[in-house]
N, C-alpha and C. Protein backbone atom coordinates (compact mmCIF):
# COMPACT_ATOMS: atom_id res chain seq x y z
N MET A 1 31.89 -1.96 1.16
CA MET A 1 31.59 -2.61 -0.08
C MET A 1 32.86 -3.30 -0.55
N SER A 2 32.77 -4.58 -0.82
CA SER A 2 33.95 -5.33 -1.21
C SER A 2 34.12 -5.44 -2.72
N LYS A 3 33.09 -5.17 -3.47
CA LYS A 3 33.15 -5.34 -4.92
C LYS A 3 32.42 -4.21 -5.60
N ARG A 4 33.00 -3.68 -6.68
CA ARG A 4 32.37 -2.60 -7.43
C ARG A 4 31.77 -3.16 -8.70
N GLY A 5 30.78 -2.43 -9.23
CA GLY A 5 30.19 -2.82 -10.50
C GLY A 5 28.70 -2.97 -10.40
N LYS A 6 28.13 -3.53 -11.44
CA LYS A 6 26.69 -3.68 -11.54
C LYS A 6 26.23 -4.92 -10.78
N ALA A 7 25.10 -4.80 -10.11
CA ALA A 7 24.49 -5.93 -9.42
C ALA A 7 23.02 -5.97 -9.81
N GLU A 8 22.48 -7.15 -9.95
CA GLU A 8 21.08 -7.29 -10.35
C GLU A 8 20.37 -8.28 -9.44
N ALA A 9 19.06 -8.12 -9.35
CA ALA A 9 18.22 -9.05 -8.61
C ALA A 9 16.87 -9.11 -9.31
N THR A 10 16.13 -10.15 -9.03
CA THR A 10 14.79 -10.31 -9.60
C THR A 10 13.79 -10.36 -8.46
N ILE A 11 12.67 -9.68 -8.65
CA ILE A 11 11.59 -9.76 -7.66
C ILE A 11 10.38 -10.38 -8.36
N GLY A 12 9.51 -10.97 -7.59
CA GLY A 12 8.32 -11.60 -8.15
C GLY A 12 7.22 -10.59 -8.46
N LYS A 13 6.12 -11.10 -9.00
CA LYS A 13 4.99 -10.24 -9.36
C LYS A 13 4.41 -9.52 -8.15
N ALA A 14 4.33 -10.22 -7.03
CA ALA A 14 3.78 -9.59 -5.82
C ALA A 14 4.67 -8.44 -5.37
N GLY A 15 5.98 -8.63 -5.43
CA GLY A 15 6.91 -7.56 -5.07
C GLY A 15 6.79 -6.37 -6.01
N LEU A 16 6.62 -6.65 -7.30
CA LEU A 16 6.45 -5.58 -8.28
C LEU A 16 5.16 -4.81 -8.02
N ARG A 17 4.07 -5.51 -7.77
CA ARG A 17 2.80 -4.82 -7.46
C ARG A 17 2.94 -3.95 -6.21
N ASP A 18 3.63 -4.49 -5.22
CA ASP A 18 3.85 -3.75 -3.98
C ASP A 18 4.64 -2.47 -4.25
N LEU A 19 5.72 -2.59 -5.03
CA LEU A 19 6.52 -1.40 -5.36
C LEU A 19 5.69 -0.37 -6.13
N LEU A 20 4.96 -0.83 -7.13
CA LEU A 20 4.16 0.11 -7.93
C LEU A 20 3.13 0.84 -7.08
N SER A 21 2.55 0.15 -6.11
CA SER A 21 1.58 0.83 -5.24
C SER A 21 2.27 1.92 -4.41
N HIS A 22 3.51 1.70 -4.01
CA HIS A 22 4.25 2.73 -3.27
C HIS A 22 4.61 3.91 -4.16
N PHE A 23 4.98 3.64 -5.41
CA PHE A 23 5.25 4.73 -6.36
C PHE A 23 3.98 5.56 -6.57
N GLU A 24 2.84 4.88 -6.69
CA GLU A 24 1.56 5.59 -6.87
C GLU A 24 1.21 6.40 -5.63
N HIS A 25 1.46 5.85 -4.46
CA HIS A 25 1.13 6.52 -3.20
C HIS A 25 1.81 7.89 -3.09
N VAL A 26 3.06 7.99 -3.55
CA VAL A 26 3.78 9.27 -3.48
C VAL A 26 3.58 10.09 -4.75
N ASP A 27 2.76 9.58 -5.68
CA ASP A 27 2.51 10.25 -6.96
C ASP A 27 3.84 10.57 -7.64
N PHE A 28 4.67 9.53 -7.75
CA PHE A 28 6.05 9.66 -8.21
C PHE A 28 6.18 10.38 -9.54
N LEU A 29 5.30 10.07 -10.48
CA LEU A 29 5.42 10.66 -11.82
C LEU A 29 5.20 12.17 -11.82
N SER A 30 4.57 12.71 -10.79
CA SER A 30 4.34 14.16 -10.74
C SER A 30 5.38 14.90 -9.90
N LEU A 31 6.30 14.17 -9.28
CA LEU A 31 7.33 14.83 -8.47
C LEU A 31 8.28 15.62 -9.35
N ASP A 32 8.91 16.63 -8.77
CA ASP A 32 9.98 17.35 -9.46
C ASP A 32 11.15 16.39 -9.67
N ASP A 33 12.03 16.72 -10.59
CA ASP A 33 13.17 15.85 -10.89
C ASP A 33 14.29 15.95 -9.87
N ASN A 34 14.29 17.00 -9.07
CA ASN A 34 15.42 17.23 -8.18
C ASN A 34 14.97 17.86 -6.87
N TYR A 35 15.41 17.26 -5.77
CA TYR A 35 15.19 17.83 -4.44
C TYR A 35 16.57 17.94 -3.78
N ASP A 36 17.18 19.11 -3.95
CA ASP A 36 18.49 19.36 -3.35
C ASP A 36 18.47 20.74 -2.71
N HIS A 37 19.46 21.55 -2.92
CA HIS A 37 19.52 22.88 -2.29
C HIS A 37 18.76 23.93 -3.10
N THR A 38 17.93 23.52 -4.04
CA THR A 38 17.17 24.44 -4.88
C THR A 38 15.89 24.88 -4.18
N LYS A 39 14.98 25.41 -4.94
CA LYS A 39 13.70 25.88 -4.39
C LYS A 39 12.90 24.76 -3.71
N ASN A 40 13.23 23.51 -4.02
CA ASN A 40 12.52 22.38 -3.43
C ASN A 40 13.02 21.99 -2.05
N CYS A 41 13.86 22.82 -1.47
CA CYS A 41 14.48 22.47 -0.19
C CYS A 41 14.41 23.64 0.79
N PRO A 42 13.36 23.70 1.61
CA PRO A 42 13.24 24.81 2.55
C PRO A 42 14.30 24.79 3.66
N ASP A 43 14.79 23.61 4.02
CA ASP A 43 15.78 23.48 5.09
C ASP A 43 16.90 22.58 4.58
N HIS A 44 18.12 23.12 4.50
CA HIS A 44 19.24 22.41 3.87
C HIS A 44 20.32 22.10 4.89
N TRP A 45 20.59 20.81 5.13
CA TRP A 45 21.66 20.38 6.01
C TRP A 45 22.81 19.88 5.15
N THR A 46 24.03 20.04 5.61
CA THR A 46 25.18 19.64 4.81
C THR A 46 25.64 18.22 5.14
N ASP A 47 26.46 17.68 4.25
CA ASP A 47 27.17 16.41 4.44
C ASP A 47 26.26 15.18 4.53
N PHE A 48 25.22 15.16 3.74
CA PHE A 48 24.34 13.99 3.67
C PHE A 48 24.44 13.37 2.28
N PRO A 49 24.14 12.10 2.16
CA PRO A 49 24.19 11.44 0.85
C PRO A 49 22.97 11.79 0.00
N SER A 50 23.04 11.40 -1.25
CA SER A 50 21.92 11.57 -2.18
C SER A 50 21.48 10.21 -2.69
N ALA A 51 20.27 10.17 -3.20
CA ALA A 51 19.75 8.96 -3.85
C ALA A 51 19.08 9.37 -5.15
N VAL A 52 19.18 8.52 -6.13
CA VAL A 52 18.45 8.70 -7.38
C VAL A 52 17.56 7.49 -7.54
N ILE A 53 16.29 7.73 -7.74
CA ILE A 53 15.34 6.64 -7.93
C ILE A 53 14.65 6.85 -9.27
N SER A 54 14.52 5.77 -10.04
CA SER A 54 13.95 5.85 -11.38
C SER A 54 12.88 4.79 -11.56
N LEU A 55 11.91 5.13 -12.38
CA LEU A 55 10.83 4.21 -12.73
C LEU A 55 10.61 4.31 -14.23
N THR A 56 10.60 3.17 -14.92
CA THR A 56 10.34 3.13 -16.35
C THR A 56 9.05 2.37 -16.60
N ILE A 57 8.10 3.03 -17.26
CA ILE A 57 6.82 2.42 -17.62
C ILE A 57 6.55 2.74 -19.07
N ASP A 58 6.22 1.71 -19.85
CA ASP A 58 5.91 1.88 -21.28
C ASP A 58 7.01 2.65 -22.01
N GLY A 59 8.26 2.38 -21.68
CA GLY A 59 9.38 3.01 -22.36
C GLY A 59 9.70 4.43 -21.92
N LYS A 60 8.94 4.96 -20.98
CA LYS A 60 9.19 6.32 -20.47
C LYS A 60 9.76 6.22 -19.06
N THR A 61 10.85 6.95 -18.84
CA THR A 61 11.54 6.90 -17.55
C THR A 61 11.40 8.22 -16.81
N LYS A 62 11.09 8.11 -15.53
CA LYS A 62 11.05 9.26 -14.62
C LYS A 62 12.09 9.01 -13.54
N SER A 63 12.98 9.97 -13.33
CA SER A 63 14.00 9.87 -12.28
C SER A 63 13.89 11.06 -11.35
N VAL A 64 14.14 10.82 -10.08
CA VAL A 64 14.14 11.88 -9.07
C VAL A 64 15.44 11.78 -8.28
N GLU A 65 16.16 12.90 -8.23
CA GLU A 65 17.37 12.97 -7.41
C GLU A 65 16.99 13.60 -6.08
N HIS A 66 17.40 12.95 -4.99
CA HIS A 66 16.99 13.37 -3.65
C HIS A 66 18.21 13.49 -2.74
N TYR A 67 18.53 14.72 -2.34
CA TYR A 67 19.59 14.96 -1.37
C TYR A 67 18.98 14.79 0.02
N HIS A 68 19.53 13.87 0.82
CA HIS A 68 18.93 13.55 2.11
C HIS A 68 19.13 14.63 3.17
N GLY A 69 19.91 15.64 2.86
CA GLY A 69 20.04 16.78 3.76
C GLY A 69 18.99 17.83 3.51
N CYS A 70 18.16 17.61 2.52
CA CYS A 70 17.06 18.51 2.20
C CYS A 70 15.87 18.14 3.09
N ARG A 71 15.38 19.08 3.85
CA ARG A 71 14.30 18.82 4.83
C ARG A 71 13.22 19.88 4.71
N GLY A 72 12.08 19.60 5.30
CA GLY A 72 11.07 20.63 5.45
C GLY A 72 9.82 20.48 4.60
N LEU A 73 9.73 19.42 3.78
CA LEU A 73 8.53 19.17 2.99
C LEU A 73 8.09 17.73 3.23
N LYS A 74 6.78 17.50 3.33
CA LYS A 74 6.28 16.14 3.53
C LYS A 74 6.70 15.22 2.40
N VAL A 75 6.74 15.73 1.18
CA VAL A 75 7.11 14.89 0.04
C VAL A 75 8.51 14.30 0.22
N LEU A 76 9.38 14.98 0.93
CA LEU A 76 10.73 14.46 1.16
C LEU A 76 10.70 13.24 2.07
N ASP A 77 9.84 13.27 3.08
CA ASP A 77 9.67 12.09 3.94
C ASP A 77 9.07 10.94 3.14
N ASP A 78 8.07 11.24 2.31
CA ASP A 78 7.46 10.21 1.47
C ASP A 78 8.48 9.60 0.51
N LEU A 79 9.32 10.44 -0.06
CA LEU A 79 10.35 9.98 -0.99
C LEU A 79 11.36 9.09 -0.27
N SER A 80 11.77 9.47 0.94
CA SER A 80 12.69 8.64 1.72
C SER A 80 12.07 7.28 2.03
N GLU A 81 10.79 7.28 2.38
CA GLU A 81 10.11 6.01 2.66
C GLU A 81 10.05 5.14 1.41
N LEU A 82 9.80 5.74 0.25
CA LEU A 82 9.78 5.00 -1.01
C LEU A 82 11.16 4.40 -1.29
N GLU A 83 12.21 5.20 -1.14
CA GLU A 83 13.58 4.71 -1.36
C GLU A 83 13.89 3.53 -0.45
N ASP A 84 13.52 3.65 0.82
CA ASP A 84 13.76 2.57 1.77
C ASP A 84 12.97 1.32 1.39
N HIS A 85 11.74 1.52 0.92
CA HIS A 85 10.91 0.37 0.54
C HIS A 85 11.50 -0.34 -0.68
N VAL A 86 11.95 0.42 -1.66
CA VAL A 86 12.60 -0.18 -2.84
C VAL A 86 13.80 -1.00 -2.39
N ASP A 87 14.60 -0.46 -1.49
CA ASP A 87 15.77 -1.19 -0.98
C ASP A 87 15.37 -2.48 -0.28
N ARG A 88 14.30 -2.44 0.52
CA ARG A 88 13.85 -3.65 1.22
C ARG A 88 13.39 -4.71 0.23
N VAL A 89 12.54 -4.32 -0.71
CA VAL A 89 11.99 -5.29 -1.67
C VAL A 89 13.09 -5.87 -2.55
N ALA A 90 14.03 -5.04 -2.98
CA ALA A 90 15.12 -5.49 -3.85
C ALA A 90 16.22 -6.22 -3.07
N GLY A 91 16.22 -6.08 -1.76
CA GLY A 91 17.28 -6.70 -0.96
C GLY A 91 18.62 -6.02 -1.15
N SER A 92 18.63 -4.71 -1.32
CA SER A 92 19.85 -3.95 -1.59
C SER A 92 20.89 -4.06 -0.49
N LYS A 93 20.44 -4.38 0.71
CA LYS A 93 21.34 -4.43 1.86
C LYS A 93 22.53 -5.37 1.61
N ARG A 94 22.33 -6.39 0.80
CA ARG A 94 23.42 -7.35 0.53
C ARG A 94 24.56 -6.72 -0.28
N TRP A 95 24.31 -5.56 -0.91
CA TRP A 95 25.32 -4.95 -1.78
C TRP A 95 25.95 -3.69 -1.21
N VAL A 96 25.31 -3.02 -0.28
CA VAL A 96 25.80 -1.73 0.18
C VAL A 96 25.82 -1.66 1.70
N GLY A 97 26.54 -0.65 2.21
CA GLY A 97 26.53 -0.38 3.63
C GLY A 97 25.26 0.37 4.00
N ARG A 98 25.15 0.72 5.26
CA ARG A 98 24.00 1.47 5.74
C ARG A 98 24.48 2.79 6.32
N TYR A 99 23.58 3.74 6.41
CA TYR A 99 23.92 5.01 7.05
C TYR A 99 22.71 5.46 7.85
N SER A 100 22.95 6.38 8.74
CA SER A 100 21.88 6.93 9.56
C SER A 100 21.55 8.33 9.09
N ARG A 101 20.28 8.57 8.73
CA ARG A 101 19.85 9.91 8.34
C ARG A 101 19.78 10.84 9.55
N GLU A 102 19.72 10.26 10.72
CA GLU A 102 19.58 11.06 11.95
C GLU A 102 20.86 11.00 12.78
N SER A 103 21.99 11.11 12.13
CA SER A 103 23.28 11.03 12.81
C SER A 103 23.47 12.24 13.73
N PRO A 104 24.27 12.08 14.79
CA PRO A 104 24.50 13.19 15.70
C PRO A 104 25.20 14.36 15.01
N LEU A 105 24.82 15.54 15.39
CA LEU A 105 25.43 16.77 14.91
C LEU A 105 25.36 16.93 13.40
N GLY A 106 24.40 16.27 12.78
CA GLY A 106 24.20 16.43 11.35
C GLY A 106 25.22 15.72 10.49
N SER A 107 26.10 14.93 11.09
CA SER A 107 27.08 14.20 10.29
C SER A 107 26.46 12.90 9.79
N THR A 108 27.04 12.34 8.77
CA THR A 108 26.54 11.09 8.22
C THR A 108 27.55 9.99 8.52
N HIS A 109 27.09 8.93 9.11
CA HIS A 109 27.96 7.82 9.46
C HIS A 109 27.69 6.66 8.52
N MET A 110 28.71 6.24 7.79
CA MET A 110 28.60 5.09 6.92
C MET A 110 29.17 3.88 7.64
N TYR A 111 28.48 2.76 7.55
CA TYR A 111 29.01 1.54 8.11
C TYR A 111 28.41 0.36 7.37
N SER A 112 29.09 -0.75 7.38
CA SER A 112 28.58 -1.95 6.72
C SER A 112 28.41 -3.05 7.75
N ASN A 113 27.73 -4.09 7.33
CA ASN A 113 27.43 -5.19 8.26
C ASN A 113 28.66 -5.88 8.70
């Protein structure tokens, strides 16, 4: 990353509808607020990054914190897919590096384009 700070982008109505359908598919509003080494994590791997994803509708915000080393529940796979989809639609790749969730020996490799 060459520059720190806030970055913004705009998506069209079709992109917004697409994102909302993905949030509905995972029943985002009913998810727990945190998936880390707590009761929501049957299998815990170390040294992985976390993501926070938020949705605001009608002035109410729901956020979910997701540690990517937390494994063992289908909802975690669904949440990862939602996070990846948000990144694709928003074009986040232009602002951040990439990492592999399936790195060898459980390590996380960060790299940029």
